[in-house]
Amino acid sequence: MSPEILWVIAQATRDTVIMVAVAIAFGSLIGIPLGIFLATSKQGELLALPAVNAALGAIVNAARSTPFIILVVAIIPLTRVLVGTSIGTAAAIVPLTLAVAPFIARIVESAIREVDPGLIEAARAFGASPFQIIRKVLFAEALPAIVLGLTLATVSLIGYSAMVGVVGGGGLGDVGVRYGYQRFMPDVMATVVVILILLVQGVQSVGDRVARRLNKRLRHD
């Protein structure tokens, strides 16, 4: 491959890392609180707002069931309002965030529901408030599982980022289509695939390591 193509691939790799990192950050800011609320707001639970829980749960389910490529096209007007364009790395962050936030919410909800109910009763016996129980018991105990869930979400986003490149989102997916497919350059396509695999392996390795350390710390405490 020519130095020019290598430079394009390097820039696309940088764009992919940026869009995934920003999307997982914004998605976590939305998804983690939403997941905590969904896990603690059913009838008889700590926050007990069943009507709101059902409404938010329906919205989350609808968002998760929408195919990503359809979501990208459907929210183009919103993307233009937020970032001023519907193409490029900045524009890709909007659908990536909206796709990953409900996924994170369900992951967090599931992780929190796995916490031993006996810990909640013990905290109540000591006079802890609902928000203290959520912060110091539920979230703390579920943190290793949440980290693994965020790792899975990040891996999924890497795949989504390649898909959004097909519709002008930039990144490695865009390079794979424009050079590897449209210009019949299989070496470029192979390089893009290898880089995506390495990104996934790196994220998974780091996430597993962090989760193991958190697990060991919880057991030690």
C-alpha atoms as a PDB file:
ATOM      1  CA  MET A   1       0.000   0.000   0.000  1.00  0.00           C
ATOM      2  CA  SER A   2       1.119   3.534  -0.712  1.00  0.00           C
ATOM      3  CA  PRO A   3       2.018   5.980   2.088  1.00  0.00           C
ATOM      4  CA  GLU A   4      -1.088   7.977   1.168  1.00  0.00           C
ATOM      5  CA  ILE A   5      -3.367   4.984   1.786  1.00  0.00           C
ATOM      6  CA  LEU A   6      -1.591   4.181   5.040  1.00  0.00           C
ATOM      7  CA  TRP A   7      -2.142   7.775   6.162  1.00  0.00           C
ATOM      8  CA  VAL A   8      -5.846   7.527   5.298  1.00  0.00           C
ATOM      9  CA  ILE A   9      -6.129   4.311   7.311  1.00  0.00           C
ATOM     10  CA  ALA A  10      -4.331   5.899  10.267  1.00  0.00           C
ATOM     11  CA  GLN A  11      -6.673   8.908  10.202  1.00  0.00           C
ATOM     12  CA  ALA A  12      -9.704   6.626   9.923  1.00  0.00           C
ATOM     13  CA  THR A  13      -8.489   4.585  12.906  1.00  0.00           C
ATOM     14  CA  ARG A  14      -8.162   7.779  14.934  1.00  0.00           C
ATOM     15  CA  ASP A  15     -11.676   8.868  13.907  1.00  0.00           C
ATOM     16  CA  THR A  16     -13.115   5.481  14.869  1.00  0.00           C
ATOM     17  CA  VAL A  17     -11.475   5.583  18.306  1.00  0.00           C
ATOM     18  CA  ILE A  18     -12.742   9.125  18.881  1.00  0.00           C
ATOM     19  CA  MET A  19     -16.337   8.426  17.857  1.00  0.00           C
ATOM     20  CA  VAL A  20     -16.493   5.227  19.912  1.00  0.00           C
ATOM     21  CA  ALA A  21     -14.945   6.864  22.994  1.00  0.00           C
ATOM     22  CA  VAL A  22     -17.233   9.898  22.884  1.00  0.00           C
ATOM     23  CA  ALA A  23     -20.330   7.801  22.169  1.00  0.00           C
ATOM     24  CA  ILE A  24     -19.630   5.383  25.039  1.00  0.00           C
ATOM     25  CA  ALA A  25     -19.039   8.356  27.374  1.00  0.00           C
ATOM     26  CA  PHE A  26     -22.315  10.081  26.464  1.00  0.00           C
ATOM     27  CA  GLY A  27     -24.145   6.752  26.312  1.00  0.00           C
ATOM     28  CA  SER A  28     -22.949   5.916  29.829  1.00  0.00           C
ATOM     29  CA  LEU A  29     -24.054   9.296  31.154  1.00  0.00           C
ATOM     30  CA  ILE A  30     -27.545   8.506  29.878  1.00  0.00           C
ATOM     31  CA  GLY A  31     -27.652   4.728  30.254  1.00  0.00           C
ATOM     32  CA  ILE A  32     -26.204   4.206  33.743  1.00  0.00           C
ATOM     33  CA  PRO A  33     -28.660   6.480  35.608  1.00  0.00           C
ATOM     34  CA  LEU A  34     -31.498   5.154  33.449  1.00  0.00           C
ATOM     35  CA  GLY A  35     -30.529   1.564  34.209  1.00  0.00           C
ATOM     36  CA  ILE A  36     -30.332   2.267  37.941  1.00  0.00           C
ATOM     37  CA  PHE A  37     -33.781   3.836  37.823  1.00  0.00           C
ATOM     38  CA  LEU A  38     -35.280   0.923  35.878  1.00  0.00           C
ATOM     39  CA  ALA A  39     -33.815  -1.521  38.414  1.00  0.00           C
ATOM     40  CA  THR A  40     -35.152   0.293  41.472  1.00  0.00           C
ATOM     41  CA  SER A  41     -38.470   1.867  40.472  1.00  0.00           C
ATOM     42  CA  LYS A  42     -40.925  -0.995  40.054  1.00  0.00           C
ATOM     43  CA  GLN A  43     -43.770  -1.530  42.512  1.00  0.00           C
ATOM     44  CA  GLY A  44     -42.448  -2.166  46.026  1.00  0.00           C
ATOM     45  CA  GLU A  45     -38.841  -1.266  45.200  1.00  0.00           C
ATOM     46  CA  LEU A  46     -36.646   1.516  46.554  1.00  0.00           C
ATOM     47  CA  LEU A  47     -37.952   4.363  44.363  1.00  0.00           C
ATOM     48  CA  ALA A  48     -41.361   2.817  43.522  1.00  0.00           C
ATOM     49  CA  LEU A  49     -42.537   4.742  40.448  1.00  0.00           C
ATOM     50  CA  PRO A  50     -44.090   1.892  38.438  1.00  0.00           C
ATOM     51  CA  ALA A  51     -45.862   4.080  35.854  1.00  0.00           C
ATOM     52  CA  VAL A  52     -42.677   5.976  35.003  1.00  0.00           C
ATOM     53  CA  ASN A  53     -40.737   2.708  35.004  1.00  0.00           C
ATOM     54  CA  ALA A  54     -43.136   1.158  32.505  1.00  0.00           C
ATOM     55  CA  ALA A  55     -43.019   4.200  30.207  1.00  0.00           C
ATOM     56  CA  LEU A  56     -39.224   4.407  30.220  1.00  0.00           C
ATOM     57  CA  GLY A  57     -38.957   0.648  29.806  1.00  0.00           C
ATOM     58  CA  ALA A  58     -41.133   0.819  26.680  1.00  0.00           C
ATOM     59  CA  ILE A  59     -38.961   3.603  25.231  1.00  0.00           C
ATOM     60  CA  VAL A  60     -35.790   1.625  25.939  1.00  0.00           C
ATOM     61  CA  ASN A  61     -37.253  -1.498  24.331  1.00  0.00           C
ATOM     62  CA  ALA A  62     -38.327   0.452  21.259  1.00  0.00           C
ATOM     63  CA  ALA A  63     -34.882   2.002  20.863  1.00  0.00           C
ATOM     64  CA  ARG A  64     -33.137  -1.355  21.280  1.00  0.00           C
ATOM     65  CA  SER A  65     -35.376  -3.068  18.742  1.00  0.00           C
ATOM     66  CA  THR A  66     -34.718  -0.483  16.010  1.00  0.00           C
ATOM     67  CA  PRO A  67     -32.051  -1.698  13.550  1.00  0.00           C
ATOM     68  CA  PHE A  68     -29.033   0.572  13.757  1.00  0.00           C
ATOM     69  CA  ILE A  69     -28.891   1.458  10.075  1.00  0.00           C
ATOM     70  CA  ILE A  70     -32.557   2.539  10.199  1.00  0.00           C
ATOM     71  CA  LEU A  71     -31.873   4.583  13.325  1.00  0.00           C
ATOM     72  CA  VAL A  72     -29.011   6.401  11.576  1.00  0.00           C
ATOM     73  CA  VAL A  73     -31.270   7.447   8.710  1.00  0.00           C
ATOM     74  CA  ALA A  74     -34.313   8.209  10.872  1.00  0.00           C
ATOM     75  CA  ILE A  75     -32.517  10.706  13.120  1.00  0.00           C
ATOM     76  CA  ILE A  76     -30.713  12.628  10.373  1.00  0.00           C
ATOM     77  CA  PRO A  77     -32.796  15.786  11.113  1.00  0.00           C
ATOM     78  CA  LEU A  78     -31.869  15.546  14.810  1.00  0.00           C
ATOM     79  CA  THR A  79     -28.226  14.977  13.926  1.00  0.00           C
ATOM     80  CA  ARG A  80     -28.215  18.103  11.756  1.00  0.00           C
ATOM     81  CA  VAL A  81     -29.756  20.142  14.570  1.00  0.00           C
ATOM     82  CA  LEU A  82     -27.208  18.927  17.116  1.00  0.00           C
ATOM     83  CA  VAL A  83     -23.976  19.032  15.109  1.00  0.00           C
ATOM     84  CA  GLY A  84     -24.885  20.978  11.966  1.00  0.00           C
ATOM     85  CA  THR A  85     -24.259  18.121   9.530  1.00  0.00           C
ATOM     86  CA  SER A  86     -25.326  14.546   8.863  1.00  0.00           C
ATOM     87  CA  ILE A  87     -21.958  13.246   7.662  1.00  0.00           C
ATOM     88  CA  GLY A  88     -18.553  12.888   9.272  1.00  0.00           C
ATOM     89  CA  THR A  89     -17.264  11.758  12.653  1.00  0.00           C
ATOM     90  CA  ALA A  90     -19.207  14.296  14.722  1.00  0.00           C
ATOM     91  CA  ALA A  91     -22.464  13.331  13.042  1.00  0.00           C
ATOM     92  CA  ALA A  92     -21.785   9.629  13.620  1.00  0.00           C
ATOM     93  CA  ILE A  93     -21.530  10.168  17.371  1.00  0.00           C
ATOM     94  CA  VAL A  94     -25.242  11.065  17.625  1.00  0.00           C
ATOM     95  CA  PRO A  95     -26.724   7.762  16.378  1.00  0.00           C
ATOM     96  CA  LEU A  96     -23.964   5.787  18.109  1.00  0.00           C
ATOM     97  CA  THR A  97     -24.882   7.401  21.426  1.00  0.00           C
ATOM     98  CA  LEU A  98     -28.609   6.855  20.938  1.00  0.00           C
ATOM     99  CA  ALA A  99     -27.977   3.235  19.991  1.00  0.00           C
ATOM    100  CA  VAL A 100     -25.744   2.386  22.941  1.00  0.00           C
ATOM    101  CA  ALA A 101     -27.554   4.273  25.741  1.00  0.00           C
ATOM    102  CA  PRO A 102     -30.572   1.903  25.991  1.00  0.00           C
ATOM    103  CA  PHE A 103     -28.220  -1.081  25.686  1.00  0.00           C
ATOM    104  CA  ILE A 104     -26.206   0.191  28.652  1.00  0.00           C
ATOM    105  CA  ALA A 105     -29.408   0.876  30.578  1.00  0.00           C
ATOM    106  CA  ARG A 106     -30.523  -2.743  30.305  1.00  0.00           C
ATOM    107  CA  ILE A 107     -27.038  -3.998  31.187  1.00  0.00           C
ATOM    108  CA  VAL A 108     -26.968  -1.853  34.334  1.00  0.00           C
ATOM    109  CA  GLU A 109     -30.507  -2.864  35.254  1.00  0.00           C
ATOM    110  CA  SER A 110     -29.628  -6.551  34.941  1.00  0.00           C
ATOM    111  CA  ALA A 111     -26.404  -6.149  36.941  1.00  0.00           C
ATOM    112  CA  ILE A 112     -28.170  -4.364  39.794  1.00  0.00           C
ATOM    113  CA  ARG A 113     -30.964  -6.938  39.946  1.00  0.00           C
ATOM    114  CA  GLU A 114     -28.314  -9.623  40.480  1.00  0.00           C
ATOM    115  CA  VAL A 115     -27.224  -8.023  43.773  1.00  0.00           C
ATOM    116  CA  ASP A 116     -28.182 -10.083  46.832  1.00  0.00           C
ATOM    117  CA  PRO A 117     -31.469  -8.692  48.248  1.00  0.00           C
ATOM    118  CA  GLY A 118     -30.147  -9.470  51.709  1.00  0.00           C
ATOM    119  CA  LEU A 119     -27.654  -6.626  51.359  1.00  0.00           C
ATOM    120  CA  ILE A 120     -30.522  -4.214  50.740  1.00  0.00           C
ATOM    121  CA  GLU A 121     -32.384  -5.425  53.817  1.00  0.00           C
ATOM    122  CA  ALA A 122     -29.218  -5.120  55.920  1.00  0.00           C
ATOM    123  CA  ALA A 123     -28.676  -1.549  54.709  1.00  0.00           C
ATOM    124  CA  ARG A 124     -32.296  -0.697  55.500  1.00  0.00           C
ATOM    125  CA  ALA A 125     -31.849  -2.125  58.989  1.00  0.00           C
ATOM    126  CA  PHE A 126     -28.960   0.277  59.522  1.00  0.00           C
ATOM    127  CA  GLY A 127     -31.184   3.190  58.501  1.00  0.00           C
ATOM    128  CA  ALA A 128     -29.718   3.885  55.070  1.00  0.00           C
ATOM    129  CA  SER A 129     -31.803   6.022  52.726  1.00  0.00           C
ATOM    130  CA  PRO A 130     -32.844   4.712  49.293  1.00  0.00           C
ATOM    131  CA  PHE A 131     -30.193   6.816  47.559  1.00  0.00           C
ATOM    132  CA  GLN A 132     -27.514   5.658  50.001  1.00  0.00           C
ATOM    133  CA  ILE A 133     -28.507   2.041  49.312  1.00  0.00           C
ATOM    134  CA  ILE A 134     -28.347   2.638  45.569  1.00  0.00           C
ATOM    135  CA  ARG A 135     -24.951   4.341  45.702  1.00  0.00           C
ATOM    136  CA  LYS A 136     -23.154   2.398  48.424  1.00  0.00           C
ATOM    137  CA  VAL A 137     -24.721  -1.044  48.076  1.00  0.00           C
ATOM    138  CA  LEU A 138     -26.364  -1.707  44.716  1.00  0.00           C
ATOM    139  CA  PHE A 139     -24.024   0.232  42.442  1.00  0.00           C
ATOM    140  CA  ALA A 140     -20.894  -0.754  44.370  1.00  0.00           C
ATOM    141  CA  GLU A 141     -21.752  -4.460  44.340  1.00  0.00           C
ATOM    142  CA  ALA A 142     -22.818  -4.427  40.686  1.00  0.00           C
ATOM    143  CA  LEU A 143     -19.786  -2.457  39.484  1.00  0.00           C
ATOM    144  CA  PRO A 144     -17.736  -5.433  38.160  1.00  0.00           C
ATOM    145  CA  ALA A 145     -20.723  -6.648  36.128  1.00  0.00           C
ATOM    146  CA  ILE A 146     -21.371  -3.099  34.916  1.00  0.00           C
ATOM    147  CA  VAL A 147     -17.759  -2.782  33.752  1.00  0.00           C
ATOM    148  CA  LEU A 148     -18.101  -6.027  31.790  1.00  0.00           C
ATOM    149  CA  GLY A 149     -21.351  -4.702  30.328  1.00  0.00           C
ATOM    150  CA  LEU A 150     -19.721  -1.439  29.296  1.00  0.00           C
ATOM    151  CA  THR A 151     -16.947  -3.469  27.685  1.00  0.00           C
ATOM    152  CA  LEU A 152     -19.538  -5.388  25.680  1.00  0.00           C
ATOM    153  CA  ALA A 153     -21.234  -2.117  24.727  1.00  0.00           C
ATOM    154  CA  THR A 154     -17.930  -0.657  23.548  1.00  0.00           C
ATOM    155  CA  VAL A 155     -17.234  -3.727  21.426  1.00  0.00           C
ATOM    156  CA  SER A 156     -20.689  -3.380  19.875  1.00  0.00           C
ATOM    157  CA  LEU A 157     -20.018   0.295  19.183  1.00  0.00           C
ATOM    158  CA  ILE A 158     -16.855  -0.573  17.282  1.00  0.00           C
ATOM    159  CA  GLY A 159     -18.990  -2.701  14.975  1.00  0.00           C
ATOM    160  CA  TYR A 160     -21.618   0.032  14.705  1.00  0.00           C
ATOM    161  CA  SER A 161     -18.916   2.600  13.893  1.00  0.00           C
ATOM    162  CA  ALA A 162     -17.880   0.502  10.908  1.00  0.00           C
ATOM    163  CA  MET A 163     -21.510   0.314   9.810  1.00  0.00           C
ATOM    164  CA  VAL A 164     -22.083   4.060  10.097  1.00  0.00           C
ATOM    165  CA  GLY A 165     -19.129   4.593   7.753  1.00  0.00           C
ATOM    166  CA  VAL A 166     -21.270   3.164   4.973  1.00  0.00           C
ATOM    167  CA  VAL A 167     -23.588   6.199   5.195  1.00  0.00           C
ATOM    168  CA  GLY A 168     -20.885   8.850   5.401  1.00  0.00           C
ATOM    169  CA  GLY A 169     -19.959   8.568   9.056  1.00  0.00           C
ATOM    170  CA  GLY A 170     -16.238   8.386   8.453  1.00  0.00           C
ATOM    171  CA  GLY A 171     -13.819   6.079  10.229  1.00  0.00           C
ATOM    172  CA  LEU A 172     -12.642   2.625   9.246  1.00  0.00           C
ATOM    173  CA  GLY A 173     -15.980   1.577   7.774  1.00  0.00           C
ATOM    174  CA  ASP A 174     -15.844   4.453   5.320  1.00  0.00           C
ATOM    175  CA  VAL A 175     -12.293   3.534   4.254  1.00  0.00           C
ATOM    176  CA  GLY A 176     -13.252  -0.111   3.867  1.00  0.00           C
ATOM    177  CA  VAL A 177     -16.140   0.776   1.571  1.00  0.00           C
ATOM    178  CA  ARG A 178     -14.487   3.545  -0.474  1.00  0.00           C
ATOM    179  CA  TYR A 179     -11.135   1.872  -0.972  1.00  0.00           C
ATOM    180  CA  GLY A 180     -11.555  -1.814  -0.210  1.00  0.00           C
ATOM    181  CA  TYR A 181     -14.896  -2.305  -1.974  1.00  0.00           C
ATOM    182  CA  GLN A 182     -15.463   0.477  -4.494  1.00  0.00           C
ATOM    183  CA  ARG A 183     -11.852   0.659  -5.688  1.00  0.00           C
ATOM    184  CA  PHE A 184     -11.243  -3.104  -5.493  1.00  0.00           C
ATOM    185  CA  MET A 185      -8.362  -2.908  -2.993  1.00  0.00           C
ATOM    186  CA  PRO A 186      -8.620  -6.114  -0.920  1.00  0.00           C
ATOM    187  CA  ASP A 187      -5.419  -5.299   0.983  1.00  0.00           C
ATOM    188  CA  VAL A 188      -7.096  -2.164   2.373  1.00  0.00           C
ATOM    189  CA  MET A 189     -10.199  -4.136   3.336  1.00  0.00           C
ATOM    190  CA  ALA A 190      -8.066  -6.771   5.055  1.00  0.00           C
ATOM    191  CA  THR A 191      -6.145  -4.090   6.948  1.00  0.00           C
ATOM    192  CA  VAL A 192      -9.370  -2.457   8.120  1.00  0.00           C
ATOM    193  CA  VAL A 193     -10.684  -5.800   9.362  1.00  0.00           C
ATOM    194  CA  VAL A 194      -7.446  -6.544  11.225  1.00  0.00           C
ATOM    195  CA  ILE A 195      -7.476  -3.123  12.911  1.00  0.00           C
ATOM    196  CA  LEU A 196     -11.100  -3.588  13.991  1.00  0.00           C
ATOM    197  CA  ILE A 197     -10.256  -7.005  15.434  1.00  0.00           C
ATOM    198  CA  LEU A 198      -7.284  -5.542  17.324  1.00  0.00           C
ATOM    199  CA  LEU A 199      -9.471  -2.748  18.719  1.00  0.00           C
ATOM    200  CA  VAL A 200     -12.049  -5.274  19.921  1.00  0.00           C
ATOM    201  CA  GLN A 201      -9.381  -7.494  21.476  1.00  0.00           C
ATOM    202  CA  GLY A 202      -7.801  -4.521  23.227  1.00  0.00           C
ATOM    203  CA  VAL A 203     -11.068  -3.238  24.653  1.00  0.00           C
ATOM    204  CA  GLN A 204     -12.123  -6.708  25.795  1.00  0.00           C
ATOM    205  CA  SER A 205      -8.777  -7.349  27.462  1.00  0.00           C
ATOM    206  CA  VAL A 206      -8.806  -4.060  29.372  1.00  0.00           C
ATOM    207  CA  GLY A 207     -12.441  -4.485  30.421  1.00  0.00           C
ATOM    208  CA  ASP A 208     -11.860  -8.032  31.694  1.00  0.00           C
ATOM    209  CA  ARG A 209      -8.810  -6.920  33.659  1.00  0.00           C
ATOM    210  CA  VAL A 210     -10.617  -4.007  35.308  1.00  0.00           C
ATOM    211  CA  ALA A 211     -13.598  -6.205  36.218  1.00  0.00           C
ATOM    212  CA  ARG A 212     -11.321  -8.834  37.790  1.00  0.00           C
ATOM    213  CA  ARG A 213      -9.577  -6.219  39.909  1.00  0.00           C
ATOM    214  CA  LEU A 214     -12.901  -4.805  41.089  1.00  0.00           C
ATOM    215  CA  ASN A 215     -14.095  -8.306  41.953  1.00  0.00           C
ATOM    216  CA  LYS A 216     -10.963  -8.993  43.989  1.00  0.00           C
ATOM    217  CA  ARG A 217     -11.339  -5.693  45.831  1.00  0.00           C
ATOM    218  CA  LEU A 218     -14.982  -6.430  46.694  1.00  0.00           C
ATOM    219  CA  ARG A 219     -14.080  -9.877  47.997  1.00  0.00           C
ATOM    220  CA  HIS A 220     -11.217  -8.449  50.030  1.00  0.00           C
ATOM    221  CA  ASP A 221     -13.471  -5.778  51.526  1.00  0.00           C
END
